[in-house]
Amino acid sequence: MIFAVGLLSCLTGLAGAFSEDTDSVGDWITVAVFLVPGGWALVTAPFAGVRVDGNGLRYRGMTKWTTLPWGEIDSVEAEVIGGNSLVAEAPCVRIRGGRTLSLAVLAGYQGVRTEANARVRAQVLTVRRARASAHARGASAP
């Protein structure tokens, strides 16, 4: 989804850059407003995601990359993001010390919240199982 938004933004910026009507500073600022974030999304979106293994969780978001060993993770829950018109759920990692990390790249969107997002709930269960398996083997024990 982010890749498509970035592509649309980038194409809009490129259209403005090659337009014969783009001649003022304000026009070029508008071009930059579309082109720069769109280009950033195009470059980072293919690498965004979450990996879990026996050692912990690796998160690559649009602006943040982090690695968390299982011993630092207290719990993983689904959290609601958004308001009345656009609602999403995303896995949220509770980290020792009270910090949280929202895994927004795994968000599942829906128009009006009527029921839990099954894909997001399955992702939460996958992370919980990997954490439990790692703790059972003694890896990164809390």
Protein backbone atom coordinates (compact mmCIF):
# COMPACT_ATOMS: atom_id res chain seq x y z
CA MET A 1 0.00 0.00 0.00
CA ILE A 2 2.75 2.46 0.96
CA PHE A 3 4.60 1.64 -2.24
CA ALA A 4 1.51 2.55 -4.31
CA VAL A 5 1.05 5.85 -2.44
CA GLY A 6 4.76 6.62 -2.92
CA LEU A 7 4.55 5.82 -6.62
CA LEU A 8 1.52 8.07 -7.06
CA SER A 9 3.20 10.89 -5.15
CA CYS A 10 6.43 10.50 -7.10
CA LEU A 11 4.64 10.48 -10.45
CA THR A 12 2.69 13.60 -9.45
CA GLY A 13 5.96 15.34 -8.55
CA LEU A 14 7.59 14.25 -11.81
CA ALA A 15 4.60 15.50 -13.81
CA GLY A 16 4.96 18.88 -12.14
CA ALA A 17 8.73 18.93 -12.71
CA PHE A 18 8.34 18.39 -16.45
CA SER A 19 5.35 20.69 -16.85
CA GLU A 20 5.86 23.86 -18.87
CA ASP A 21 3.73 25.73 -16.31
CA THR A 22 6.17 25.09 -13.45
CA ASP A 23 8.07 28.36 -13.31
CA SER A 24 7.77 29.91 -9.84
CA VAL A 25 9.47 29.03 -6.58
CA GLY A 26 6.11 27.97 -5.13
CA ASP A 27 5.60 25.55 -8.03
CA TRP A 28 9.00 23.95 -7.39
CA ILE A 29 8.27 23.69 -3.66
CA THR A 30 5.04 21.87 -4.52
CA VAL A 31 6.98 19.55 -6.83
CA ALA A 32 9.45 18.81 -4.03
CA VAL A 33 6.62 18.18 -1.54
CA PHE A 34 5.35 15.38 -3.79
CA LEU A 35 8.66 14.11 -5.16
CA VAL A 36 10.78 13.77 -2.01
CA PRO A 37 8.37 11.79 0.23
CA GLY A 38 7.21 9.76 -2.77
CA GLY A 39 10.78 8.86 -3.64
CA TRP A 40 11.49 7.96 -0.01
CA ALA A 41 8.48 5.63 0.06
CA LEU A 42 9.54 4.00 -3.23
CA VAL A 43 13.02 3.31 -1.91
CA THR A 44 12.12 2.10 1.61
CA ALA A 45 8.78 0.29 1.12
CA PRO A 46 10.22 -2.84 -0.55
CA PHE A 47 12.49 -3.41 2.47
CA ALA A 48 9.87 -2.77 5.17
CA GLY A 49 8.73 -5.73 7.21
CA VAL A 50 9.18 -7.88 10.30
CA ARG A 51 11.25 -11.03 10.75
CA VAL A 52 11.13 -13.31 13.75
CA ASP A 53 13.62 -16.06 14.53
CA GLY A 54 15.10 -17.82 17.52
CA ASN A 55 17.04 -14.74 18.56
CA GLY A 56 14.32 -12.11 18.44
CA LEU A 57 12.41 -9.71 16.25
CA ARG A 58 13.83 -7.49 13.47
CA TYR A 59 11.65 -4.56 12.39
CA ARG A 60 12.21 -2.44 9.30
CA GLY A 61 9.74 0.41 9.03
CA MET A 62 9.70 3.43 6.77
CA THR A 63 11.80 5.51 9.17
CA LYS A 64 12.93 3.09 11.89
CA TRP A 65 14.94 -0.14 11.86
CA THR A 66 15.46 -2.03 15.09
CA THR A 67 16.34 -5.47 16.43
CA LEU A 68 14.87 -6.72 19.70
CA PRO A 69 16.04 -9.90 21.44
CA TRP A 70 13.21 -11.96 22.94
CA GLY A 71 14.46 -11.14 26.44
CA GLU A 72 13.55 -7.47 25.93
CA ILE A 73 9.99 -8.17 24.78
CA ASP A 74 7.27 -8.36 27.45
CA SER A 75 4.27 -9.01 25.20
CA VAL A 76 2.79 -8.63 21.74
CA GLU A 77 -0.78 -7.38 21.27
CA ALA A 78 -2.97 -6.04 18.48
CA GLU A 79 -3.62 -2.31 18.82
CA VAL A 80 -6.16 -0.11 17.09
CA ILE A 81 -4.83 2.80 15.05
CA GLY A 82 -6.97 5.52 13.55
CA GLY A 83 -10.29 7.21 14.07
CA ASN A 84 -13.90 6.88 13.03
CA SER A 85 -13.59 6.88 9.24
CA LEU A 86 -10.39 4.85 8.77
CA VAL A 87 -9.41 2.26 11.33
CA ALA A 88 -6.47 -0.11 11.31
CA GLU A 89 -5.03 -2.71 13.61
CA ALA A 90 -1.32 -3.36 13.94
CA PRO A 91 0.78 -5.61 16.15
CA CYS A 92 2.31 -3.69 19.06
CA VAL A 93 5.37 -4.96 20.94
CA ARG A 94 5.64 -4.03 24.61
CA ILE A 95 9.32 -3.69 25.50
CA ARG A 96 10.84 -3.93 28.97
CA GLY A 97 11.02 -0.50 30.58
CA GLY A 98 7.56 0.55 29.41
CA ARG A 99 8.40 1.35 25.78
CA THR A 100 6.29 0.16 22.88
CA LEU A 101 6.99 -0.50 19.22
CA SER A 102 4.06 -0.42 16.82
CA LEU A 103 4.69 -2.71 13.85
CA ALA A 104 2.82 -0.34 11.53
CA VAL A 105 4.12 -1.97 8.35
CA LEU A 106 1.93 -4.97 9.25
CA ALA A 107 -1.23 -2.89 9.74
CA GLY A 108 -4.51 -4.22 8.46
CA TYR A 109 -6.95 -1.52 7.37
CA GLN A 110 -10.72 -1.57 7.31
CA GLY A 111 -13.33 1.14 6.78
CA VAL A 112 -15.48 0.96 9.90
CA ARG A 113 -14.39 -1.21 12.81
CA THR A 114 -16.85 -4.08 12.97
CA GLU A 115 -14.58 -6.99 13.90
CA ALA A 116 -10.94 -7.80 14.58
CA ASN A 117 -8.60 -7.94 11.61
CA ALA A 118 -7.91 -11.68 11.17
CA ARG A 119 -4.56 -11.18 9.35
CA VAL A 120 -3.19 -8.93 12.09
CA ARG A 121 -4.37 -11.34 14.80
CA ALA A 122 -2.60 -14.20 12.97
CA GLN A 123 0.61 -12.12 12.83
CA VAL A 124 0.38 -11.43 16.58
CA LEU A 125 -0.04 -15.16 17.25
CA THR A 126 2.97 -15.97 15.04
CA VAL A 127 5.19 -13.57 16.99
CA ARG A 128 3.88 -14.88 20.32
CA ARG A 129 4.60 -18.49 19.29
CA ALA A 130 8.13 -17.61 18.15
CA ARG A 131 8.75 -15.82 21.46
CA ALA A 132 7.41 -18.77 23.49
CA SER A 133 9.49 -21.22 21.45
CA ALA A 134 12.65 -19.16 21.99
CA HIS A 135 12.00 -18.95 25.73
CA ALA A 136 11.36 -22.71 25.89
CA ARG A 137 14.76 -23.34 24.27
CA GLY A 138 16.38 -20.89 26.70
CA ALA A 139 17.32 -18.28 24.06
CA SER A 140 17.40 -14.73 25.43
CA ALA A 141 15.71 -15.77 28.65
CA PRO A 142 14.10 -12.85 30.50
